[in-house]
């Protein structure tokens, strides 16, 4: 089981019929959809910055520019996944995350992701510094991950 103390955001998700392929296990692209939903919820609920407003009215993008995925064990319909996230590195305009999905009941690692997100302007599609409110929320939750 993963040391939950180092993870700054956690939620649980039920594996549903729509997540599964004909073999009855989670189809790997569905893990990526779960990952994206986790990050959106973390920003809104965990950091207190409304993700919809960030992208909508504020025109701040947070695209994934790098994603490493490891699939360690299968998940089936009816399983509950504990989804945990921590910041590895925080730069001026980029963020590297370590994300793990584990069986809630058995603690076995099902999938692990390393994700790099870059803050961009949705008007120019160029990298920009994180907005002050988002930056402050990120620094408050991962002071050891801040890079000069």
Protein backbone atom coordinates (compact mmCIF):
# COMPACT_ATOMS: atom_id res chain seq x y z
CA UNK A 1 0.00 0.00 0.00
CA UNK A 2 1.16 3.54 -0.78
CA UNK A 3 2.11 5.95 2.00
CA UNK A 4 -0.95 8.23 1.86
CA UNK A 5 0.82 10.88 3.97
CA UNK A 6 2.79 12.16 0.97
CA UNK A 7 -0.27 12.46 -1.27
CA UNK A 8 -2.10 15.79 -1.14
CA UNK A 9 -5.40 14.80 -2.75
CA UNK A 10 -7.37 11.58 -2.71
CA UNK A 11 -10.74 10.45 -3.94
CA UNK A 12 -12.48 7.13 -4.60
CA UNK A 13 -14.12 6.05 -7.84
CA UNK A 14 -16.30 3.07 -8.59
CA UNK A 15 -15.37 1.12 -11.71
CA UNK A 16 -18.50 1.05 -13.84
CA UNK A 17 -19.68 -0.98 -16.83
CA UNK A 18 -18.72 1.87 -19.19
CA UNK A 19 -15.10 1.73 -18.00
CA UNK A 20 -14.71 -1.90 -19.07
CA UNK A 21 -13.87 -3.68 -22.31
CA UNK A 22 -15.46 -6.95 -23.52
CA UNK A 23 -13.01 -8.89 -21.29
CA UNK A 24 -14.66 -7.26 -18.27
CA UNK A 25 -11.62 -5.21 -17.19
CA UNK A 26 -10.94 -1.48 -17.32
CA UNK A 27 -10.00 -0.50 -20.87
CA UNK A 28 -6.74 1.45 -20.55
CA UNK A 29 -7.99 4.71 -22.18
CA UNK A 30 -10.66 4.87 -19.46
CA UNK A 31 -7.90 5.15 -16.86
CA UNK A 32 -6.74 8.27 -18.73
CA UNK A 33 -10.27 9.69 -18.59
CA UNK A 34 -10.38 8.98 -14.84
CA UNK A 35 -6.97 10.66 -14.51
CA UNK A 36 -8.20 13.80 -16.25
CA UNK A 37 -11.32 13.95 -14.06
CA UNK A 38 -9.15 13.51 -10.95
CA UNK A 39 -6.93 16.47 -11.92
CA UNK A 40 -9.96 18.67 -12.67
CA UNK A 41 -11.52 17.81 -9.29
CA UNK A 42 -8.23 18.35 -7.48
CA UNK A 43 -7.88 21.85 -8.91
CA UNK A 44 -11.48 22.78 -8.05
CA UNK A 45 -11.96 20.93 -4.75
CA UNK A 46 -8.42 20.41 -3.50
CA UNK A 47 -6.91 23.73 -4.51
CA UNK A 48 -10.05 25.88 -4.37
CA UNK A 49 -9.60 27.26 -7.90
CA UNK A 50 -12.66 26.76 -10.13
CA UNK A 51 -11.42 24.68 -13.08
CA UNK A 52 -14.35 25.63 -15.33
CA UNK A 53 -13.75 29.36 -14.73
CA UNK A 54 -10.00 28.91 -15.21
CA UNK A 55 -10.52 27.53 -18.70
CA UNK A 56 -13.67 29.51 -19.52
CA UNK A 57 -13.68 33.12 -18.35
CA UNK A 58 -10.02 33.30 -17.35
CA UNK A 59 -8.74 31.64 -20.56
CA UNK A 60 -6.02 29.69 -18.75
CA UNK A 61 -5.19 26.29 -20.20
CA UNK A 62 -3.61 23.36 -18.37
CA UNK A 63 -2.73 20.88 -21.11
CA UNK A 64 -0.87 17.66 -20.47
CA UNK A 65 2.44 17.74 -22.34
CA UNK A 66 3.89 14.49 -21.03
CA UNK A 67 2.24 11.40 -19.62
CA UNK A 68 3.87 8.18 -18.49
CA UNK A 69 1.46 5.36 -17.74
CA UNK A 70 2.08 2.04 -16.03
CA UNK A 71 -0.67 -0.54 -15.72
CA UNK A 72 0.16 -2.94 -12.90
CA UNK A 73 -3.00 -4.95 -12.25
CA UNK A 74 -6.49 -5.24 -13.65
CA UNK A 75 -9.59 -3.58 -12.28
CA UNK A 76 -13.07 -4.98 -12.82
CA UNK A 77 -16.57 -3.54 -12.73
CA UNK A 78 -17.59 -3.05 -9.09
CA UNK A 79 -14.05 -2.39 -7.82
CA UNK A 80 -13.43 0.83 -5.96
CA UNK A 81 -10.24 2.70 -6.84
CA UNK A 82 -8.43 5.00 -4.43
CA UNK A 83 -6.96 7.74 -6.62
CA UNK A 84 -4.08 9.67 -5.06
CA UNK A 85 -2.12 12.62 -6.34
CA UNK A 86 1.04 14.42 -5.27
CA UNK A 87 3.22 17.15 -6.72
CA UNK A 88 6.73 16.08 -7.67
CA UNK A 89 7.91 19.38 -9.13
CA UNK A 90 6.46 22.86 -9.43
CA UNK A 91 8.07 25.27 -11.87
CA UNK A 92 7.10 28.73 -13.10
CA UNK A 93 4.64 27.41 -15.66
CA UNK A 94 4.79 23.62 -15.31
CA UNK A 95 3.75 21.02 -12.82
CA UNK A 96 4.84 17.38 -12.54
CA UNK A 97 2.47 15.00 -10.77
CA UNK A 98 2.68 11.45 -9.42
CA UNK A 99 -0.75 9.81 -9.52
CA UNK A 100 -1.65 6.32 -8.32
CA UNK A 101 -4.80 4.27 -8.60
CA UNK A 102 -5.02 1.47 -6.03
CA UNK A 103 -7.72 -0.98 -5.08
CA UNK A 104 -9.52 0.65 -2.16
CA UNK A 105 -10.19 -2.69 -0.52
CA UNK A 106 -6.91 -4.50 -1.20
CA UNK A 107 -4.40 -1.64 -1.58
CA UNK A 108 -2.89 -3.19 -4.71
CA UNK A 109 -1.48 -0.74 -7.23
CA UNK A 110 -3.57 -0.86 -10.41
CA UNK A 111 -2.11 2.05 -12.39
CA UNK A 112 0.54 4.73 -11.92
CA UNK A 113 1.00 7.93 -13.89
CA UNK A 114 3.60 10.68 -14.09
CA UNK A 115 2.05 13.70 -15.71
CA UNK A 116 3.48 17.05 -16.73
CA UNK A 117 1.00 19.90 -17.10
CA UNK A 118 1.90 23.31 -18.52
CA UNK A 119 0.01 26.52 -17.82
CA UNK A 120 -0.88 28.27 -21.09
CA UNK A 121 -2.88 31.17 -22.43
CA UNK A 122 -5.87 29.86 -24.34
CA UNK A 123 -5.64 32.97 -26.52
CA UNK A 124 -2.02 32.48 -27.63
CA UNK A 125 -1.46 28.82 -26.72
CA UNK A 126 1.91 29.76 -25.28
CA UNK A 127 3.26 28.88 -21.85
CA UNK A 128 2.68 31.44 -19.12
CA UNK A 129 3.25 31.63 -15.38
CA UNK A 130 0.57 30.12 -13.17
CA UNK A 131 -2.01 32.75 -12.08
CA UNK A 132 -1.22 34.05 -8.56
CA UNK A 133 -4.17 32.30 -6.85
CA UNK A 134 -3.37 28.94 -8.44
CA UNK A 135 0.35 29.37 -7.75
CA UNK A 136 -0.30 30.15 -4.07
CA UNK A 137 -2.56 27.11 -3.71
CA UNK A 138 0.03 24.84 -5.35
CA UNK A 139 2.89 26.17 -3.20
CA UNK A 140 0.84 25.82 -0.01
CA UNK A 141 0.26 22.13 -0.66
CA UNK A 142 3.73 21.16 -1.86
CA UNK A 143 6.37 23.57 -0.55
CA UNK A 144 9.16 21.01 -1.03
CA UNK A 145 8.32 20.58 -4.71
CA UNK A 146 8.85 24.22 -5.70
CA UNK A 147 11.74 24.65 -8.10
CA UNK A 148 13.52 27.94 -8.76
